[in-house]
Amino acid sequence: MLQLAARPLTAEAFVPYGEVLAAPADTGRHYYGPRIENRRPQAGLDFSLSTVAASHLPLKLKLFERHVFSAQVFMPVDVARYLVTVCPDNGQGRPDTGRAISFFAPSNVGVMYAAGTWHHPMVALDRPGRFSIVMWACGDAGDEELIPLDREIEVHPA
């Protein structure tokens, strides 16, 4: 089993996997829409709301997912904090779990996974959480790829 220590989410550390999304500190608006990548012209915008059961650390991860053709945005609606776990591709179309990174994300920022980024499904920490999700989808097998891990990853606090 691979042991992974979660650390605080920072925009700089997340750059290889996507973008951290935050509302402006002052009055105003940040526009993220043009950066929600879509690699299939036939795909339509998909917006959903999700409730995730509470999890606690240490936590065993058993699968990763990716969306090859679309970026995917998670914005917390009502969550204490959440866990974001990502890894690069191993060059053979599978997650490189040996290079996985796990982050604690606060309730006031979202994440946009770049198209093709391997990530674990959303994990709400401390209490159940609700998220809004935006991505591009066609309703076919190309929308999402789920891969069970060859070995479990246990995430614990740093």
C-alpha atoms as a PDB file:
ATOM      1  CA  MET A   1       0.000   0.000   0.000  1.00  0.00           C
ATOM      2  CA  LEU A   2       1.267   3.468  -0.917  1.00  0.00           C
ATOM      3  CA  GLN A   3       1.259   6.031   1.911  1.00  0.00           C
ATOM      4  CA  LEU A   4       0.439   9.614   0.923  1.00  0.00           C
ATOM      5  CA  ALA A   5       0.514  12.683   3.198  1.00  0.00           C
ATOM      6  CA  ALA A   6      -2.060  15.353   2.342  1.00  0.00           C
ATOM      7  CA  ARG A   7      -0.882  18.955   2.334  1.00  0.00           C
ATOM      8  CA  PRO A   8      -2.648  22.298   1.942  1.00  0.00           C
ATOM      9  CA  LEU A   9      -3.815  23.106  -1.591  1.00  0.00           C
ATOM     10  CA  THR A  10      -1.924  25.925  -3.301  1.00  0.00           C
ATOM     11  CA  ALA A  11      -2.426  27.320  -6.783  1.00  0.00           C
ATOM     12  CA  GLU A  12       1.277  26.824  -7.586  1.00  0.00           C
ATOM     13  CA  ALA A  13       1.384  23.159  -6.578  1.00  0.00           C
ATOM     14  CA  PHE A  14      -1.804  22.410  -8.537  1.00  0.00           C
ATOM     15  CA  VAL A  15      -0.679  23.951 -11.874  1.00  0.00           C
ATOM     16  CA  PRO A  16       0.355  20.617 -13.497  1.00  0.00           C
ATOM     17  CA  TYR A  17      -3.184  19.287 -12.904  1.00  0.00           C
ATOM     18  CA  GLY A  18      -5.400  22.294 -13.516  1.00  0.00           C
ATOM     19  CA  GLU A  19      -6.329  25.460 -11.708  1.00  0.00           C
ATOM     20  CA  VAL A  20      -7.453  26.520  -8.251  1.00  0.00           C
ATOM     21  CA  LEU A  21     -10.568  28.706  -8.489  1.00  0.00           C
ATOM     22  CA  ALA A  22     -11.293  31.487  -6.033  1.00  0.00           C
ATOM     23  CA  ALA A  23     -13.680  34.405  -5.877  1.00  0.00           C
ATOM     24  CA  PRO A  24     -12.041  37.837  -5.942  1.00  0.00           C
ATOM     25  CA  ALA A  25     -11.040  39.222  -2.550  1.00  0.00           C
ATOM     26  CA  ASP A  26     -12.715  42.544  -3.389  1.00  0.00           C
ATOM     27  CA  THR A  27     -15.943  43.301  -5.209  1.00  0.00           C
ATOM     28  CA  GLY A  28     -15.746  41.966  -8.746  1.00  0.00           C
ATOM     29  CA  ARG A  29     -15.815  38.820 -10.831  1.00  0.00           C
ATOM     30  CA  HIS A  30     -13.283  36.312 -12.170  1.00  0.00           C
ATOM     31  CA  TYR A  31     -14.157  34.677 -15.497  1.00  0.00           C
ATOM     32  CA  TYR A  32     -13.131  31.033 -15.738  1.00  0.00           C
ATOM     33  CA  GLY A  33     -15.496  29.857 -18.488  1.00  0.00           C
ATOM     34  CA  PRO A  34     -13.124  30.148 -21.444  1.00  0.00           C
ATOM     35  CA  ARG A  35     -10.615  27.914 -19.605  1.00  0.00           C
ATOM     36  CA  ILE A  36     -13.031  24.975 -19.161  1.00  0.00           C
ATOM     37  CA  GLU A  37     -11.461  22.982 -21.977  1.00  0.00           C
ATOM     38  CA  ASN A  38     -13.623  21.038 -24.433  1.00  0.00           C
ATOM     39  CA  ARG A  39     -11.922  18.705 -26.938  1.00  0.00           C
ATOM     40  CA  ARG A  40     -15.161  17.492 -28.601  1.00  0.00           C
ATOM     41  CA  PRO A  41     -17.264  19.998 -30.558  1.00  0.00           C
ATOM     42  CA  GLN A  42     -20.346  17.764 -30.219  1.00  0.00           C
ATOM     43  CA  ALA A  43     -20.184  17.851 -26.403  1.00  0.00           C
ATOM     44  CA  GLY A  44     -22.671  19.915 -24.471  1.00  0.00           C
ATOM     45  CA  LEU A  45     -22.138  21.781 -21.241  1.00  0.00           C
ATOM     46  CA  ASP A  46     -23.038  19.618 -18.258  1.00  0.00           C
ATOM     47  CA  PHE A  47     -23.863  21.188 -14.880  1.00  0.00           C
ATOM     48  CA  SER A  48     -24.672  19.034 -11.864  1.00  0.00           C
ATOM     49  CA  LEU A  49     -24.969  19.179  -8.098  1.00  0.00           C
ATOM     50  CA  SER A  50     -23.625  16.395  -5.919  1.00  0.00           C
ATOM     51  CA  THR A  51     -23.787  15.436  -2.251  1.00  0.00           C
ATOM     52  CA  VAL A  52     -20.805  13.469  -0.953  1.00  0.00           C
ATOM     53  CA  ALA A  53     -20.789  11.472   2.295  1.00  0.00           C
ATOM     54  CA  ALA A  54     -18.327  12.491   4.996  1.00  0.00           C
ATOM     55  CA  SER A  55     -14.930  10.792   5.065  1.00  0.00           C
ATOM     56  CA  HIS A  56     -12.157  10.897   7.631  1.00  0.00           C
ATOM     57  CA  LEU A  57      -8.415  10.374   7.432  1.00  0.00           C
ATOM     58  CA  PRO A  58      -6.657   8.053   7.109  1.00  0.00           C
ATOM     59  CA  LEU A  59      -8.553   7.137   3.937  1.00  0.00           C
ATOM     60  CA  LYS A  60      -7.892   4.334   1.461  1.00  0.00           C
ATOM     61  CA  LEU A  61      -8.224   5.286  -2.218  1.00  0.00           C
ATOM     62  CA  LYS A  62      -9.111   2.477  -4.613  1.00  0.00           C
ATOM     63  CA  LEU A  63      -9.691   4.130  -8.002  1.00  0.00           C
ATOM     64  CA  PHE A  64      -8.872   7.122 -10.157  1.00  0.00           C
ATOM     65  CA  GLU A  65     -10.851   8.750 -12.937  1.00  0.00           C
ATOM     66  CA  ARG A  66     -10.189  11.150 -15.768  1.00  0.00           C
ATOM     67  CA  HIS A  67     -12.102  13.024 -18.420  1.00  0.00           C
ATOM     68  CA  VAL A  68      -9.919  12.883 -21.531  1.00  0.00           C
ATOM     69  CA  PHE A  69     -11.969  15.349 -23.559  1.00  0.00           C
ATOM     70  CA  SER A  70     -13.078  17.865 -20.933  1.00  0.00           C
ATOM     71  CA  ALA A  71     -11.882  19.906 -18.044  1.00  0.00           C
ATOM     72  CA  GLN A  72     -13.969  19.333 -14.926  1.00  0.00           C
ATOM     73  CA  VAL A  73     -14.792  21.973 -12.312  1.00  0.00           C
ATOM     74  CA  PHE A  74     -15.742  21.301  -8.684  1.00  0.00           C
ATOM     75  CA  MET A  75     -17.002  24.261  -6.650  1.00  0.00           C
ATOM     76  CA  PRO A  76     -17.978  23.677  -3.034  1.00  0.00           C
ATOM     77  CA  VAL A  77     -21.522  24.716  -2.213  1.00  0.00           C
ATOM     78  CA  ASP A  78     -21.598  23.548   1.409  1.00  0.00           C
ATOM     79  CA  VAL A  79     -18.516  21.722   2.660  1.00  0.00           C
ATOM     80  CA  ALA A  80     -16.172  21.985   5.648  1.00  0.00           C
ATOM     81  CA  ARG A  81     -13.080  21.078   3.617  1.00  0.00           C
ATOM     82  CA  TYR A  82     -12.305  18.454   1.022  1.00  0.00           C
ATOM     83  CA  LEU A  83      -9.542  16.253  -0.309  1.00  0.00           C
ATOM     84  CA  VAL A  84      -8.133  16.571  -3.828  1.00  0.00           C
ATOM     85  CA  THR A  85      -5.887  13.723  -5.013  1.00  0.00           C
ATOM     86  CA  VAL A  86      -4.279  13.807  -8.469  1.00  0.00           C
ATOM     87  CA  CYS A  87      -1.513  12.120 -10.417  1.00  0.00           C
ATOM     88  CA  PRO A  88      -0.002  12.267 -13.893  1.00  0.00           C
ATOM     89  CA  ASP A  89      -0.524   9.681 -16.600  1.00  0.00           C
ATOM     90  CA  ASN A  90       2.061   6.889 -16.676  1.00  0.00           C
ATOM     91  CA  GLY A  91       2.494   7.199 -20.461  1.00  0.00           C
ATOM     92  CA  GLN A  92       0.398   4.073 -21.067  1.00  0.00           C
ATOM     93  CA  GLY A  93      -3.032   5.523 -20.374  1.00  0.00           C
ATOM     94  CA  ARG A  94      -3.092   4.703 -16.670  1.00  0.00           C
ATOM     95  CA  PRO A  95      -2.577   6.764 -13.517  1.00  0.00           C
ATOM     96  CA  ASP A  96       1.003   6.988 -12.233  1.00  0.00           C
ATOM     97  CA  THR A  97       0.071   6.395  -8.592  1.00  0.00           C
ATOM     98  CA  GLY A  98       3.706   6.532  -7.507  1.00  0.00           C
ATOM     99  CA  ARG A  99       3.581  10.268  -8.291  1.00  0.00           C
ATOM    100  CA  ALA A 100       0.177  10.951  -6.699  1.00  0.00           C
ATOM    101  CA  ILE A 101      -0.300  14.100  -4.626  1.00  0.00           C
ATOM    102  CA  SER A 102      -3.085  14.793  -2.153  1.00  0.00           C
ATOM    103  CA  PHE A 103      -4.242  18.235  -0.999  1.00  0.00           C
ATOM    104  CA  PHE A 104      -6.559  19.589   1.676  1.00  0.00           C
ATOM    105  CA  ALA A 105      -8.826  22.158   0.008  1.00  0.00           C
ATOM    106  CA  PRO A 106     -10.688  24.783   2.040  1.00  0.00           C
ATOM    107  CA  SER A 107     -14.396  25.436   1.633  1.00  0.00           C
ATOM    108  CA  ASN A 108     -13.910  28.731  -0.213  1.00  0.00           C
ATOM    109  CA  VAL A 109     -11.999  27.526  -3.310  1.00  0.00           C
ATOM    110  CA  GLY A 110     -12.793  25.189  -6.159  1.00  0.00           C
ATOM    111  CA  VAL A 111     -10.635  23.178  -8.517  1.00  0.00           C
ATOM    112  CA  MET A 112     -10.642  22.803 -12.284  1.00  0.00           C
ATOM    113  CA  TYR A 113      -9.031  19.555 -13.380  1.00  0.00           C
ATOM    114  CA  ALA A 114      -7.395  19.943 -16.793  1.00  0.00           C
ATOM    115  CA  ALA A 115      -8.678  17.586 -19.491  1.00  0.00           C
ATOM    116  CA  GLY A 116      -7.023  14.180 -19.089  1.00  0.00           C
ATOM    117  CA  THR A 117      -5.982  14.694 -15.444  1.00  0.00           C
ATOM    118  CA  TRP A 118      -6.181  11.567 -13.311  1.00  0.00           C
ATOM    119  CA  HIS A 119      -7.955  12.300 -10.044  1.00  0.00           C
ATOM    120  CA  HIS A 120      -9.759  10.542  -7.258  1.00  0.00           C
ATOM    121  CA  PRO A 121     -13.506  11.197  -6.971  1.00  0.00           C
ATOM    122  CA  MET A 122     -14.389  14.064  -4.624  1.00  0.00           C
ATOM    123  CA  VAL A 123     -13.920  13.417  -0.896  1.00  0.00           C
ATOM    124  CA  ALA A 124     -15.692  15.629   1.653  1.00  0.00           C
ATOM    125  CA  LEU A 125     -13.871  15.715   4.975  1.00  0.00           C
ATOM    126  CA  ASP A 126     -15.327  16.123   8.460  1.00  0.00           C
ATOM    127  CA  ARG A 127     -19.002  16.205   7.371  1.00  0.00           C
ATOM    128  CA  PRO A 128     -21.053  15.570   4.211  1.00  0.00           C
ATOM    129  CA  GLY A 129     -20.393  18.073   1.447  1.00  0.00           C
ATOM    130  CA  ARG A 130     -22.237  19.472  -1.541  1.00  0.00           C
ATOM    131  CA  PHE A 131     -20.533  20.513  -4.770  1.00  0.00           C
ATOM    132  CA  SER A 132     -21.483  21.997  -8.101  1.00  0.00           C
ATOM    133  CA  ILE A 133     -19.792  20.338 -11.088  1.00  0.00           C
ATOM    134  CA  VAL A 134     -19.265  21.718 -14.601  1.00  0.00           C
ATOM    135  CA  MET A 135     -17.796  19.826 -17.560  1.00  0.00           C
ATOM    136  CA  TRP A 136     -18.476  19.003 -21.200  1.00  0.00           C
ATOM    137  CA  ALA A 137     -20.195  15.701 -21.997  1.00  0.00           C
ATOM    138  CA  CYS A 138     -21.720  13.712 -24.870  1.00  0.00           C
ATOM    139  CA  GLY A 139     -23.356  10.970 -22.822  1.00  0.00           C
ATOM    140  CA  ASP A 140     -20.998   8.288 -24.109  1.00  0.00           C
ATOM    141  CA  ALA A 141     -18.054   6.251 -22.779  1.00  0.00           C
ATOM    142  CA  GLY A 142     -15.641   9.084 -23.674  1.00  0.00           C
ATOM    143  CA  ASP A 143     -17.072  11.298 -20.943  1.00  0.00           C
ATOM    144  CA  GLU A 144     -15.376   9.483 -18.068  1.00  0.00           C
ATOM    145  CA  GLU A 145     -12.783   6.764 -17.564  1.00  0.00           C
ATOM    146  CA  LEU A 146     -12.608   4.914 -14.218  1.00  0.00           C
ATOM    147  CA  ILE A 147      -9.558   2.807 -13.364  1.00  0.00           C
ATOM    148  CA  PRO A 148      -9.331   0.606 -10.251  1.00  0.00           C
ATOM    149  CA  LEU A 149      -5.894   1.002  -8.675  1.00  0.00           C
ATOM    150  CA  ASP A 150      -3.399  -1.866  -8.760  1.00  0.00           C
ATOM    151  CA  ARG A 151      -2.542  -1.042  -5.150  1.00  0.00           C
ATOM    152  CA  GLU A 152      -4.391   1.009  -2.581  1.00  0.00           C
ATOM    153  CA  ILE A 153      -3.263   4.476  -1.609  1.00  0.00           C
ATOM    154  CA  GLU A 154      -3.725   5.491   2.018  1.00  0.00           C
ATOM    155  CA  VAL A 155      -3.998   9.247   2.554  1.00  0.00           C
ATOM    156  CA  HIS A 156      -3.237  10.643   5.972  1.00  0.00           C
ATOM    157  CA  PRO A 157      -2.574  14.106   7.407  1.00  0.00           C
ATOM    158  CA  ALA A 158       0.963  15.422   6.959  1.00  0.00           C
END
